[in-house]
Amino acid sequence: MARYRGPRVKVCRSLGTILPGLTSQSTLERPYPPGQHGARRRGKSSDYKERLQEKQKLRYHFGVLERQFKRYVSKAARLKGPTGQNLVMLLESRLDNVVWRMGLARTIPAARQLVVHGHVHVGGHRVDRPSFQVNVGDEVSVSTKSAQKPFIQQILEDSATRLRPQYLEFDPSKGLGRMVTRPEISDIPFDVDTQLVVEYYSQQL
C-alpha cells in the first residue's frame, strides 16, 4: 500500500505547522524550513505557493497520495454544497482518520495499521480498508478478539483522556464509537484555507 514513508517533522517544518495526523510531536523545535540555510532562507511568496502549501497540509495530514487526493477534490466538486466543506467531510470520514480521532492511535499512520490488521469493525463487520467512508450513524468498534490483547487494552485506557471532535461519540470502556454528525471545516485540528485548495485544482478538474 503506497504511502509517505519519509521524515515527518521535516514535512511539518517545510509547511510551517505541526500536522497532528502525521506526527505526535506537539511543537516545532526549529520553526523554519529544513536544510543548511533554512533559518536564513526566505523564499518569495506567490499565489501558487500559498495554494500549494494549503493543499500539501491536507494531503500529508490525512496521508493521501496526490492521485487519490485529486479524486477526493473531484468528488467533492460534484456533491451539493461548498466544495471545501465537502472535501473536509470526505477526508474526515475516512476510517483511519475516524479511528485516530476516537483516540485509538497517536497518528493517522498508526490508525491505518490498526485498520489494515483487522482490529476495527464498522457496523459489526470487519473493515480493513483505511479509505472506507464512515457515514453518520455508523458504529466503529474494536473487534471482540482484538479487545482481549494487552496492547489494545492499553490503547483503550489511554484513549479515555483524548479530546474528540464533536461529530464523534466514543466509549472507551466498550471500545465503541459512532459518527453523530457530518464533520465540518472547524473540526480540522490545524489552520488550513480549503478555498485555496479548491483554487489549486480549479484548472485541473
N, C-alpha and C. Protein backbone atom coordinates (compact mmCIF):
# COMPACT_ATOMS: atom_id res chain seq x y z
N MET A 1 0.85 -1.19 0.00
CA MET A 1 0.00 0.00 0.00
C MET A 1 0.89 1.24 0.00
N ALA A 2 0.75 2.06 -1.03
CA ALA A 2 1.60 3.24 -1.17
C ALA A 2 1.23 4.29 -0.14
N ARG A 3 2.24 4.86 0.47
CA ARG A 3 2.03 5.94 1.42
C ARG A 3 3.36 6.63 1.67
N TYR A 4 3.33 7.82 2.26
CA TYR A 4 4.55 8.55 2.55
C TYR A 4 5.31 7.87 3.67
N ARG A 5 6.61 7.63 3.46
CA ARG A 5 7.44 6.96 4.45
C ARG A 5 8.63 7.81 4.90
N GLY A 6 8.71 9.03 4.42
CA GLY A 6 9.86 9.88 4.71
C GLY A 6 9.78 10.54 6.08
N PRO A 7 10.73 11.45 6.37
CA PRO A 7 10.77 12.15 7.66
C PRO A 7 9.55 13.05 7.83
N ARG A 8 8.85 12.89 8.94
CA ARG A 8 7.57 13.58 9.13
C ARG A 8 7.74 15.01 9.62
N VAL A 9 8.63 15.22 10.59
CA VAL A 9 8.82 16.56 11.13
C VAL A 9 9.39 17.49 10.05
N LYS A 10 10.18 16.93 9.15
CA LYS A 10 10.75 17.72 8.05
C LYS A 10 9.64 18.30 7.19
N VAL A 11 8.60 17.50 6.95
CA VAL A 11 7.45 17.98 6.18
C VAL A 11 6.75 19.12 6.93
N CYS A 12 6.55 18.93 8.23
CA CYS A 12 5.90 19.96 9.04
C CYS A 12 6.69 21.26 9.02
N ARG A 13 8.00 21.16 9.09
CA ARG A 13 8.85 22.35 9.06
C ARG A 13 8.74 23.07 7.72
N SER A 14 8.70 22.31 6.65
CA SER A 14 8.61 22.93 5.32
C SER A 14 7.28 23.63 5.12
N LEU A 15 6.21 23.13 5.78
CA LEU A 15 4.89 23.73 5.66
C LEU A 15 4.60 24.76 6.75
N GLY A 16 5.49 24.82 7.74
CA GLY A 16 5.37 25.84 8.78
C GLY A 16 4.35 25.56 9.86
N THR A 17 3.91 24.31 9.98
CA THR A 17 2.93 23.99 11.02
C THR A 17 2.99 22.52 11.38
N ILE A 18 2.62 22.19 12.61
CA ILE A 18 2.53 20.79 13.02
C ILE A 18 1.27 20.18 12.41
N LEU A 19 1.41 19.01 11.81
CA LEU A 19 0.28 18.26 11.29
C LEU A 19 0.03 17.10 12.24
N PRO A 20 -0.94 17.22 13.13
CA PRO A 20 -1.13 16.21 14.18
C PRO A 20 -1.46 14.81 13.69
N GLY A 21 -1.99 14.71 12.47
CA GLY A 21 -2.25 13.38 11.94
C GLY A 21 -1.00 12.69 11.44
N LEU A 22 0.04 13.47 11.15
CA LEU A 22 1.29 12.94 10.62
C LEU A 22 2.30 12.62 11.70
N THR A 23 2.36 13.45 12.74
CA THR A 23 3.34 13.26 13.80
C THR A 23 2.71 13.54 15.16
N SER A 24 3.19 12.85 16.18
CA SER A 24 2.68 13.07 17.54
C SER A 24 3.42 14.21 18.24
N GLN A 25 4.42 14.79 17.57
CA GLN A 25 5.14 15.92 18.16
C GLN A 25 4.20 17.11 18.23
N SER A 26 4.22 17.82 19.35
CA SER A 26 3.25 18.90 19.57
C SER A 26 3.73 20.27 19.09
N THR A 27 5.04 20.48 19.03
CA THR A 27 5.58 21.77 18.60
C THR A 27 6.78 21.56 17.70
N LEU A 28 7.12 22.60 16.94
CA LEU A 28 8.31 22.57 16.11
C LEU A 28 9.47 23.20 16.87
N GLU A 29 10.49 22.41 17.18
CA GLU A 29 11.64 22.94 17.89
C GLU A 29 12.41 23.93 17.02
N ARG A 30 12.38 23.69 15.71
CA ARG A 30 13.02 24.60 14.75
C ARG A 30 11.96 25.04 13.74
N PRO A 31 11.25 26.13 14.05
CA PRO A 31 10.13 26.56 13.21
C PRO A 31 10.56 27.29 11.93
N TYR A 32 11.42 26.67 11.16
CA TYR A 32 11.84 27.23 9.88
C TYR A 32 12.12 26.07 8.93
N PRO A 33 12.17 26.33 7.63
CA PRO A 33 12.34 25.24 6.66
C PRO A 33 13.60 24.44 6.91
N PRO A 34 13.61 23.14 6.58
CA PRO A 34 14.79 22.31 6.77
C PRO A 34 15.89 22.68 5.79
N GLY A 35 17.10 22.23 6.10
CA GLY A 35 18.23 22.50 5.22
C GLY A 35 19.26 23.37 5.89
N GLN A 36 20.44 23.39 5.31
CA GLN A 36 21.56 24.14 5.89
C GLN A 36 21.27 25.62 6.03
N HIS A 37 20.54 26.17 5.07
CA HIS A 37 20.26 27.60 5.09
C HIS A 37 18.78 27.89 5.40
N GLY A 38 18.09 26.92 5.97
CA GLY A 38 16.67 27.07 6.23
C GLY A 38 16.32 28.24 7.11
N ALA A 39 17.16 28.49 8.15
CA ALA A 39 16.85 29.57 9.09
C ALA A 39 16.99 30.95 8.45
N ARG A 40 17.83 31.06 7.40
CA ARG A 40 18.07 32.36 6.76
C ARG A 40 17.32 32.52 5.45
N ARG A 41 16.93 31.37 4.85
CA ARG A 41 16.29 31.43 3.54
C ARG A 41 14.85 31.92 3.66
N ARG A 42 14.49 32.89 2.87
CA ARG A 42 13.12 33.39 2.85
C ARG A 42 12.65 33.41 1.39
N GLY A 43 11.97 32.37 1.00
CA GLY A 43 11.51 32.29 -0.38
C GLY A 43 10.43 33.32 -0.67
N LYS A 44 10.32 33.69 -1.93
CA LYS A 44 9.31 34.66 -2.33
C LYS A 44 7.93 34.02 -2.29
N SER A 45 6.98 34.77 -1.78
CA SER A 45 5.62 34.28 -1.72
C SER A 45 4.91 34.53 -3.04
N SER A 46 3.97 33.65 -3.37
CA SER A 46 3.17 33.81 -4.57
C SER A 46 1.83 33.13 -4.35
N ASP A 47 0.86 33.45 -5.18
CA ASP A 47 -0.46 32.83 -5.05
C ASP A 47 -0.36 31.32 -5.22
N TYR A 48 0.46 30.89 -6.18
CA TYR A 48 0.61 29.45 -6.42
C TYR A 48 1.21 28.75 -5.21
N LYS A 49 2.23 29.37 -4.62
CA LYS A 49 2.90 28.77 -3.47
C LYS A 49 1.93 28.63 -2.29
N GLU A 50 1.11 29.64 -2.05
CA GLU A 50 0.16 29.59 -0.95
C GLU A 50 -0.87 28.48 -1.17
N ARG A 51 -1.36 28.34 -2.41
CA ARG A 51 -2.34 27.30 -2.71
C ARG A 51 -1.70 25.91 -2.57
N LEU A 52 -0.47 25.78 -3.05
CA LEU A 52 0.23 24.51 -2.96
C LEU A 52 0.44 24.10 -1.51
N GLN A 53 0.85 25.03 -0.67
CA GLN A 53 1.10 24.71 0.73
C GLN A 53 -0.17 24.27 1.46
N GLU A 54 -1.28 24.95 1.18
CA GLU A 54 -2.54 24.56 1.82
C GLU A 54 -2.96 23.16 1.38
N LYS A 55 -2.77 22.87 0.11
CA LYS A 55 -3.09 21.54 -0.40
C LYS A 55 -2.20 20.49 0.25
N GLN A 56 -0.92 20.78 0.37
CA GLN A 56 0.02 19.83 0.96
C GLN A 56 -0.27 19.57 2.43
N LYS A 57 -0.76 20.59 3.13
CA LYS A 57 -1.13 20.39 4.55
C LYS A 57 -2.16 19.29 4.68
N LEU A 58 -3.23 19.38 3.89
CA LEU A 58 -4.29 18.37 3.95
C LEU A 58 -3.79 17.02 3.48
N ARG A 59 -3.04 17.02 2.41
CA ARG A 59 -2.59 15.75 1.83
C ARG A 59 -1.69 14.97 2.78
N TYR A 60 -0.74 15.65 3.40
CA TYR A 60 0.17 14.97 4.32
C TYR A 60 -0.50 14.64 5.64
N HIS A 61 -1.37 15.52 6.11
CA HIS A 61 -2.06 15.24 7.37
C HIS A 61 -2.88 13.96 7.29
N PHE A 62 -3.64 13.81 6.20
CA PHE A 62 -4.51 12.64 6.05
C PHE A 62 -3.79 11.45 5.41
N GLY A 63 -2.54 11.63 5.00
CA GLY A 63 -1.77 10.52 4.43
C GLY A 63 -2.30 10.04 3.10
N VAL A 64 -2.69 10.97 2.25
CA VAL A 64 -3.26 10.63 0.95
C VAL A 64 -2.29 11.04 -0.16
N LEU A 65 -2.05 10.15 -1.10
CA LEU A 65 -1.17 10.47 -2.22
C LEU A 65 -1.88 11.39 -3.22
N GLU A 66 -1.11 12.02 -4.08
CA GLU A 66 -1.63 13.07 -4.96
C GLU A 66 -2.80 12.61 -5.84
N ARG A 67 -2.66 11.46 -6.47
CA ARG A 67 -3.72 11.00 -7.38
C ARG A 67 -5.03 10.77 -6.63
N GLN A 68 -4.95 10.15 -5.45
CA GLN A 68 -6.14 9.90 -4.66
C GLN A 68 -6.73 11.20 -4.12
N PHE A 69 -5.86 12.12 -3.72
CA PHE A 69 -6.34 13.41 -3.20
C PHE A 69 -7.10 14.17 -4.29
N LYS A 70 -6.60 14.11 -5.50
CA LYS A 70 -7.26 14.79 -6.62
C LYS A 70 -8.64 14.19 -6.86
N ARG A 71 -8.77 12.88 -6.68
CA ARG A 71 -10.08 12.23 -6.83
C ARG A 71 -11.05 12.71 -5.74
N TYR A 72 -10.53 12.92 -4.53
CA TYR A 72 -11.38 13.46 -3.47
C TYR A 72 -11.90 14.85 -3.83
N VAL A 73 -11.01 15.69 -4.37
CA VAL A 73 -11.42 17.05 -4.75
C VAL A 73 -12.46 16.98 -5.87
N SER A 74 -12.26 16.11 -6.83
CA SER A 74 -13.20 15.95 -7.94
C SER A 74 -14.57 15.50 -7.43
N LYS A 75 -14.57 14.54 -6.49
CA LYS A 75 -15.83 14.05 -5.93
C LYS A 75 -16.51 15.14 -5.12
N ALA A 76 -15.73 15.91 -4.36
CA ALA A 76 -16.27 17.00 -3.54
C ALA A 76 -16.93 18.06 -4.42
N ALA A 77 -16.36 18.31 -5.60
CA ALA A 77 -16.91 19.31 -6.51
C ALA A 77 -18.24 18.87 -7.09
N ARG A 78 -18.48 17.57 -7.17
CA ARG A 78 -19.73 17.06 -7.74
C ARG A 78 -20.86 16.99 -6.71
N LEU A 79 -20.52 17.04 -5.44
CA LEU A 79 -21.54 16.99 -4.39
C LEU A 79 -22.20 18.35 -4.20
N LYS A 80 -23.39 18.36 -3.63
CA LYS A 80 -24.08 19.60 -3.35
C LYS A 80 -23.38 20.32 -2.20
N GLY A 81 -23.34 21.65 -2.29
CA GLY A 81 -22.73 22.44 -1.23
C GLY A 81 -21.34 22.91 -1.60
N PRO A 82 -20.70 23.69 -0.70
CA PRO A 82 -19.35 24.22 -0.94
C PRO A 82 -18.33 23.08 -1.12
N THR A 83 -17.49 23.19 -2.13
CA THR A 83 -16.52 22.14 -2.41
C THR A 83 -15.56 21.94 -1.25
N GLY A 84 -15.12 23.04 -0.62
CA GLY A 84 -14.19 22.93 0.51
C GLY A 84 -14.77 22.15 1.66
N GLN A 85 -16.02 22.43 2.00
CA GLN A 85 -16.70 21.71 3.08
C GLN A 85 -16.87 20.24 2.72
N ASN A 86 -17.25 19.97 1.48
CA ASN A 86 -17.42 18.57 1.04
C ASN A 86 -16.10 17.81 1.10
N LEU A 87 -15.00 18.49 0.73
CA LEU A 87 -13.69 17.85 0.76
C LEU A 87 -13.31 17.47 2.19
N VAL A 88 -13.54 18.38 3.13
CA VAL A 88 -13.23 18.09 4.53
C VAL A 88 -14.09 16.93 5.03
N MET A 89 -15.36 16.91 4.66
CA MET A 89 -16.25 15.84 5.08
C MET A 89 -15.75 14.48 4.58
N LEU A 90 -15.31 14.43 3.32
CA LEU A 90 -14.82 13.17 2.76
C LEU A 90 -13.53 12.70 3.44
N LEU A 91 -12.63 13.64 3.71
CA LEU A 91 -11.35 13.28 4.31
C LEU A 91 -11.51 12.90 5.79
N GLU A 92 -12.30 13.67 6.52
CA GLU A 92 -12.50 13.39 7.94
C GLU A 92 -13.30 12.10 8.15
N SER A 93 -14.06 11.68 7.14
CA SER A 93 -14.88 10.47 7.26
C SER A 93 -14.12 9.20 6.90
N ARG A 94 -12.86 9.31 6.50
CA ARG A 94 -12.05 8.12 6.24
C ARG A 94 -11.92 7.31 7.53
N LEU A 95 -11.95 6.00 7.40
CA LEU A 95 -11.93 5.15 8.59
C LEU A 95 -10.65 5.33 9.40
N ASP A 96 -9.51 5.45 8.74
CA ASP A 96 -8.26 5.61 9.50
C ASP A 96 -8.28 6.91 10.30
N ASN A 97 -8.86 7.97 9.72
CA ASN A 97 -8.94 9.23 10.45
C ASN A 97 -9.91 9.12 11.62
N VAL A 98 -11.06 8.45 11.42
CA VAL A 98 -12.04 8.29 12.49
C VAL A 98 -11.43 7.52 13.66
N VAL A 99 -10.68 6.46 13.36
CA VAL A 99 -10.01 5.68 14.41
C VAL A 99 -9.03 6.56 15.18
N TRP A 100 -8.29 7.39 14.47
CA TRP A 100 -7.36 8.31 15.12
C TRP A 100 -8.10 9.34 15.97
N ARG A 101 -9.17 9.92 15.44
CA ARG A 101 -9.90 10.95 16.16
C ARG A 101 -10.62 10.39 17.39
N MET A 102 -10.92 9.08 17.38
CA MET A 102 -11.52 8.46 18.55
C MET A 102 -10.48 8.28 19.66
N GLY A 103 -9.20 8.40 19.33
CA GLY A 103 -8.15 8.27 20.33
C GLY A 103 -7.49 6.91 20.38
N LEU A 104 -7.71 6.08 19.34
CA LEU A 104 -7.15 4.73 19.34
C LEU A 104 -5.75 4.65 18.76
N ALA A 105 -5.22 5.78 18.31
CA ALA A 105 -3.86 5.81 17.76
C ALA A 105 -3.30 7.22 17.93
N ARG A 106 -1.99 7.33 17.99
CA ARG A 106 -1.37 8.64 18.19
C ARG A 106 -1.26 9.41 16.88
N THR A 107 -1.25 8.70 15.75
CA THR A 107 -1.18 9.34 14.44
C THR A 107 -2.08 8.59 13.47
N ILE A 108 -2.35 9.19 12.33
CA ILE A 108 -3.17 8.51 11.33
C ILE A 108 -2.44 7.30 10.74
N PRO A 109 -1.12 7.35 10.48
CA PRO A 109 -0.44 6.13 10.03
C PRO A 109 -0.58 4.98 11.02
N ALA A 110 -0.55 5.27 12.32
CA ALA A 110 -0.74 4.22 13.33
C ALA A 110 -2.17 3.69 13.29
N ALA A 111 -3.13 4.59 13.07
CA ALA A 111 -4.53 4.16 12.95
C ALA A 111 -4.72 3.31 11.70
N ARG A 112 -4.04 3.67 10.63
CA ARG A 112 -4.12 2.89 9.39
C ARG A 112 -3.64 1.46 9.62
N GLN A 113 -2.61 1.31 10.43
CA GLN A 113 -2.08 -0.02 10.72
C GLN A 113 -3.10 -0.85 11.50
N LEU A 114 -3.79 -0.23 12.45
CA LEU A 114 -4.83 -0.94 13.19
C LEU A 114 -5.93 -1.43 12.26
N VAL A 115 -6.31 -0.59 11.31
CA VAL A 115 -7.37 -0.95 10.36
C VAL A 115 -6.93 -2.09 9.46
N VAL A 116 -5.74 -1.95 8.87
CA VAL A 116 -5.24 -2.97 7.93
C VAL A 116 -5.07 -4.32 8.61
N HIS A 117 -4.71 -4.33 9.89
CA HIS A 117 -4.51 -5.58 10.61
C HIS A 117 -5.81 -6.19 11.12
N GLY A 118 -6.93 -5.56 10.80
CA GLY A 118 -8.22 -6.16 11.10
C GLY A 118 -8.73 -5.97 12.51
N HIS A 119 -8.22 -4.95 13.22
CA HIS A 119 -8.66 -4.74 14.60
C HIS A 119 -9.95 -3.91 14.71
N VAL A 120 -10.41 -3.38 13.57
CA VAL A 120 -11.54 -2.43 13.60
C VAL A 120 -12.74 -2.98 12.85
N HIS A 121 -13.91 -2.80 13.43
CA HIS A 121 -15.17 -3.19 12.80
C HIS A 121 -16.03 -1.95 12.58
N VAL A 122 -16.80 -1.96 11.50
CA VAL A 122 -17.78 -0.91 11.23
C VAL A 122 -19.14 -1.59 11.07
N GLY A 123 -20.08 -1.20 11.94
CA GLY A 123 -21.39 -1.83 11.90
C GLY A 123 -21.34 -3.32 12.18
N GLY A 124 -20.36 -3.74 12.98
CA GLY A 124 -20.25 -5.15 13.35
C GLY A 124 -19.50 -6.00 12.35
N HIS A 125 -19.03 -5.41 11.26
CA HIS A 125 -18.31 -6.16 10.24
C HIS A 125 -16.86 -5.66 10.14
N ARG A 126 -15.95 -6.59 9.96
CA ARG A 126 -14.54 -6.22 9.85
C ARG A 126 -14.30 -5.43 8.57
N VAL A 127 -13.59 -4.32 8.71
CA VAL A 127 -13.21 -3.49 7.57
C VAL A 127 -11.71 -3.24 7.66
N ASP A 128 -10.97 -3.63 6.63
CA ASP A 128 -9.52 -3.46 6.67
C ASP A 128 -9.04 -2.47 5.59
N ARG A 129 -9.92 -1.59 5.17
CA ARG A 129 -9.59 -0.59 4.15
C ARG A 129 -9.56 0.79 4.78
N PRO A 130 -8.38 1.42 4.94
CA PRO A 130 -8.28 2.72 5.61
C PRO A 130 -9.12 3.82 4.98
N SER A 131 -9.34 3.74 3.66
CA SER A 131 -10.09 4.79 2.97
C SER A 131 -11.59 4.61 3.05
N PHE A 132 -12.07 3.56 3.73
CA PHE A 132 -13.50 3.30 3.86
C PHE A 132 -14.20 4.54 4.41
N GLN A 133 -15.32 4.93 3.79
CA GLN A 133 -16.06 6.12 4.22
C GLN A 133 -17.06 5.78 5.32
N VAL A 134 -16.89 6.38 6.48
CA VAL A 134 -17.80 6.20 7.61
C VAL A 134 -18.93 7.21 7.47
N ASN A 135 -20.16 6.76 7.56
CA ASN A 135 -21.33 7.63 7.43
C ASN A 135 -21.92 7.97 8.79
N VAL A 136 -22.74 9.02 8.81
CA VAL A 136 -23.42 9.42 10.05
C VAL A 136 -24.29 8.25 10.53
N GLY A 137 -24.13 7.90 11.79
CA GLY A 137 -24.88 6.78 12.36
C GLY A 137 -24.10 5.48 12.41
N ASP A 138 -23.01 5.39 11.66
CA ASP A 138 -22.19 4.17 11.66
C ASP A 138 -21.48 4.00 13.00
N GLU A 139 -21.46 2.77 13.49
CA GLU A 139 -20.73 2.44 14.71
C GLU A 139 -19.38 1.85 14.35
N VAL A 140 -18.34 2.39 14.96
CA VAL A 140 -16.96 1.92 14.74
C VAL A 140 -16.47 1.35 16.07
N SER A 141 -15.99 0.11 16.03
CA SER A 141 -15.60 -0.55 17.27
C SER A 141 -14.34 -1.37 17.10
N VAL A 142 -13.72 -1.66 18.23
CA VAL A 142 -12.60 -2.60 18.26
C VAL A 142 -13.19 -4.01 18.28
N SER A 143 -12.65 -4.91 17.46
CA SER A 143 -13.19 -6.26 17.41
C SER A 143 -13.08 -6.94 18.77
N THR A 144 -14.02 -7.83 19.04
CA THR A 144 -14.06 -8.52 20.34
C THR A 144 -12.76 -9.27 20.61
N LYS A 145 -12.24 -9.92 19.59
CA LYS A 145 -10.99 -10.68 19.74
C LYS A 145 -9.82 -9.75 20.03
N SER A 146 -9.75 -8.65 19.29
CA SER A 146 -8.64 -7.72 19.47
C SER A 146 -8.69 -7.03 20.82
N ALA A 147 -9.90 -6.82 21.35
CA ALA A 147 -10.05 -6.14 22.64
C ALA A 147 -9.43 -6.91 23.79
N GLN A 148 -9.14 -8.19 23.59
CA GLN A 148 -8.52 -9.00 24.64
C GLN A 148 -7.00 -8.86 24.66
N LYS A 149 -6.45 -8.28 23.60
CA LYS A 149 -5.00 -8.15 23.52
C LYS A 149 -4.51 -7.03 24.45
N PRO A 150 -3.40 -7.25 25.16
CA PRO A 150 -2.90 -6.25 26.12
C PRO A 150 -2.63 -4.88 25.51
N PHE A 151 -2.09 -4.84 24.30
CA PHE A 151 -1.75 -3.54 23.73
C PHE A 151 -3.02 -2.77 23.33
N ILE A 152 -4.06 -3.48 22.94
CA ILE A 152 -5.33 -2.83 22.64
C ILE A 152 -5.98 -2.32 23.92
N GLN A 153 -5.89 -3.10 24.99
CA GLN A 153 -6.43 -2.67 26.28
C GLN A 153 -5.74 -1.40 26.76
N GLN A 154 -4.42 -1.32 26.53
CA GLN A 154 -3.68 -0.13 26.90
C GLN A 154 -4.11 1.07 26.06
N ILE A 155 -4.34 0.83 24.77
CA ILE A 155 -4.80 1.89 23.88
C ILE A 155 -6.15 2.44 24.34
N LEU A 156 -7.07 1.53 24.69
CA LEU A 156 -8.39 1.95 25.14
C LEU A 156 -8.30 2.75 26.45
N GLU A 157 -7.40 2.32 27.32
CA GLU A 157 -7.23 3.03 28.59
C GLU A 157 -6.69 4.44 28.35
N ASP A 158 -5.71 4.55 27.44
CA ASP A 158 -5.12 5.86 27.14
C ASP A 158 -6.11 6.77 26.42
N SER A 159 -7.02 6.18 25.64
CA SER A 159 -7.95 6.98 24.84
C SER A 159 -8.95 7.74 25.69
N ALA A 160 -9.11 7.35 26.94
CA ALA A 160 -10.10 7.99 27.81
C ALA A 160 -9.80 9.47 28.02
N THR A 161 -8.52 9.86 27.93
CA THR A 161 -8.14 11.25 28.18
C THR A 161 -7.99 12.07 26.90
N ARG A 162 -8.21 11.46 25.76
CA ARG A 162 -8.04 12.15 24.49
C ARG A 162 -9.25 13.02 24.16
N LEU A 163 -8.97 14.20 23.59
CA LEU A 163 -10.05 15.08 23.15
C LEU A 163 -10.57 14.58 21.81
N ARG A 164 -11.89 14.63 21.65
CA ARG A 164 -12.50 14.16 20.40
C ARG A 164 -13.36 15.26 19.78
N PRO A 165 -13.47 15.26 18.45
CA PRO A 165 -14.31 16.26 17.79
C PRO A 165 -15.78 16.03 18.09
N GLN A 166 -16.58 17.05 17.87
CA GLN A 166 -18.00 16.98 18.21
C GLN A 166 -18.77 15.99 17.35
N TYR A 167 -18.25 15.66 16.18
CA TYR A 167 -19.01 14.77 15.30
C TYR A 167 -18.85 13.29 15.69
N LEU A 168 -18.07 13.01 16.74
CA LEU A 168 -17.86 11.63 17.17
C LEU A 168 -18.26 11.43 18.63
N GLU A 169 -18.79 10.24 18.91
CA GLU A 169 -19.00 9.77 20.28
C GLU A 169 -18.17 8.51 20.45
N PHE A 170 -17.58 8.33 21.64
CA PHE A 170 -16.76 7.15 21.86
C PHE A 170 -16.78 6.75 23.33
N ASP A 171 -16.98 5.46 23.57
CA ASP A 171 -16.99 4.90 24.92
C ASP A 171 -15.78 3.98 25.06
N PRO A 172 -14.71 4.44 25.74
CA PRO A 172 -13.50 3.62 25.87
C PRO A 172 -13.74 2.29 26.57
N SER A 173 -14.70 2.25 27.50
CA SER A 173 -14.95 1.01 28.23
C SER A 173 -15.50 -0.08 27.32
N LYS A 174 -16.18 0.31 26.27
CA LYS A 174 -16.73 -0.66 25.32
C LYS A 174 -15.94 -0.74 24.02
N GLY A 175 -15.03 0.23 23.83
CA GLY A 175 -14.29 0.26 22.57
C GLY A 175 -15.21 0.53 21.40
N LEU A 176 -16.24 1.34 21.63
CA LEU A 176 -17.28 1.57 20.63
C LEU A 176 -17.51 3.06 20.43
N GLY A 177 -17.51 3.48 19.17
CA GLY A 177 -17.75 4.87 18.84
C GLY A 177 -18.77 5.00 17.73
N ARG A 178 -19.26 6.23 17.52
CA ARG A 178 -20.27 6.44 16.49
C ARG A 178 -20.13 7.85 15.93
N MET A 179 -20.31 7.97 14.61
CA MET A 179 -20.33 9.29 13.99
C MET A 179 -21.75 9.84 14.12
N VAL A 180 -21.88 10.98 14.81
CA VAL A 180 -23.21 11.52 15.10
C VAL A 180 -23.62 12.64 14.15
N THR A 181 -22.67 13.35 13.58
CA THR A 181 -22.96 14.41 12.61
C THR A 181 -21.88 14.42 11.54
N ARG A 182 -22.09 15.18 10.50
CA ARG A 182 -21.08 15.33 9.46
C ARG A 182 -19.94 16.21 9.96
N PRO A 183 -18.71 15.87 9.63
CA PRO A 183 -17.57 16.71 10.01
C PRO A 183 -17.65 18.08 9.34
N GLU A 184 -17.16 19.11 10.02
CA GLU A 184 -17.13 20.46 9.49
C GLU A 184 -15.68 20.92 9.34
N ILE A 185 -15.49 22.01 8.62
CA ILE A 185 -14.14 22.55 8.43
C ILE A 185 -13.51 22.90 9.77
N SER A 186 -14.32 23.36 10.70
CA SER A 186 -13.81 23.75 12.02
C SER A 186 -13.28 22.56 12.81
N ASP A 187 -13.59 21.34 12.38
CA ASP A 187 -13.12 20.14 13.09
C ASP A 187 -11.68 19.79 12.75
N ILE A 188 -11.13 20.36 11.69
CA ILE A 188 -9.73 20.09 11.34
C ILE A 188 -8.83 20.66 12.43
N PRO A 189 -7.90 19.88 12.96
CA PRO A 189 -7.11 20.32 14.13
C PRO A 189 -5.91 21.21 13.82
N PHE A 190 -5.95 21.93 12.71
CA PHE A 190 -4.90 22.91 12.40
C PHE A 190 -5.49 23.91 11.41
N ASP A 191 -4.82 25.02 11.24
CA ASP A 191 -5.33 26.07 10.35
C ASP A 191 -5.07 25.72 8.89
N VAL A 192 -6.12 25.75 8.09
CA VAL A 192 -5.98 25.49 6.66
C VAL A 192 -7.09 26.23 5.92
N ASP A 193 -6.76 26.78 4.76
CA ASP A 193 -7.72 27.50 3.94
C ASP A 193 -8.16 26.58 2.80
N THR A 194 -9.32 25.97 2.97
CA THR A 194 -9.77 24.99 1.96
C THR A 194 -10.10 25.66 0.63
N GLN A 195 -10.43 26.96 0.65
CA GLN A 195 -10.73 27.65 -0.60
C GLN A 195 -9.50 27.70 -1.49
N LEU A 196 -8.32 27.87 -0.88
CA LEU A 196 -7.08 27.88 -1.66
C LEU A 196 -6.81 26.50 -2.25
N VAL A 197 -7.19 25.46 -1.53
CA VAL A 197 -7.03 24.09 -2.04
C VAL A 197 -7.91 23.89 -3.28
N VAL A 198 -9.15 24.36 -3.20
CA VAL A 198 -10.07 24.26 -4.34
C VAL A 198 -9.53 25.05 -5.52
N GLU A 199 -9.00 26.24 -5.25
CA GLU A 199 -8.45 27.07 -6.33
C GLU A 199 -7.24 26.40 -6.98
N TYR A 200 -6.45 25.68 -6.19
CA TYR A 200 -5.27 24.99 -6.75
C TYR A 200 -5.68 24.01 -7.84
N TYR A 201 -6.81 23.33 -7.62
CA TYR A 201 -7.25 22.31 -8.58
C TYR A 201 -8.26 22.82 -9.60
N SER A 202 -8.61 24.10 -9.53
CA SER A 202 -9.68 24.63 -10.37
C SER A 202 -9.39 24.49 -11.86
N GLN A 203 -8.14 24.54 -12.27
CA GLN A 203 -7.78 24.42 -13.67
C GLN A 203 -7.54 22.97 -14.09
N GLN A 204 -7.55 22.06 -13.14
CA GLN A 204 -7.22 20.66 -13.45
C GLN A 204 -8.45 19.77 -13.52
N LEU A 205 -9.58 20.22 -13.01
CA LEU A 205 -10.77 19.37 -12.95
C LEU A 205 -11.73 19.69 -14.10
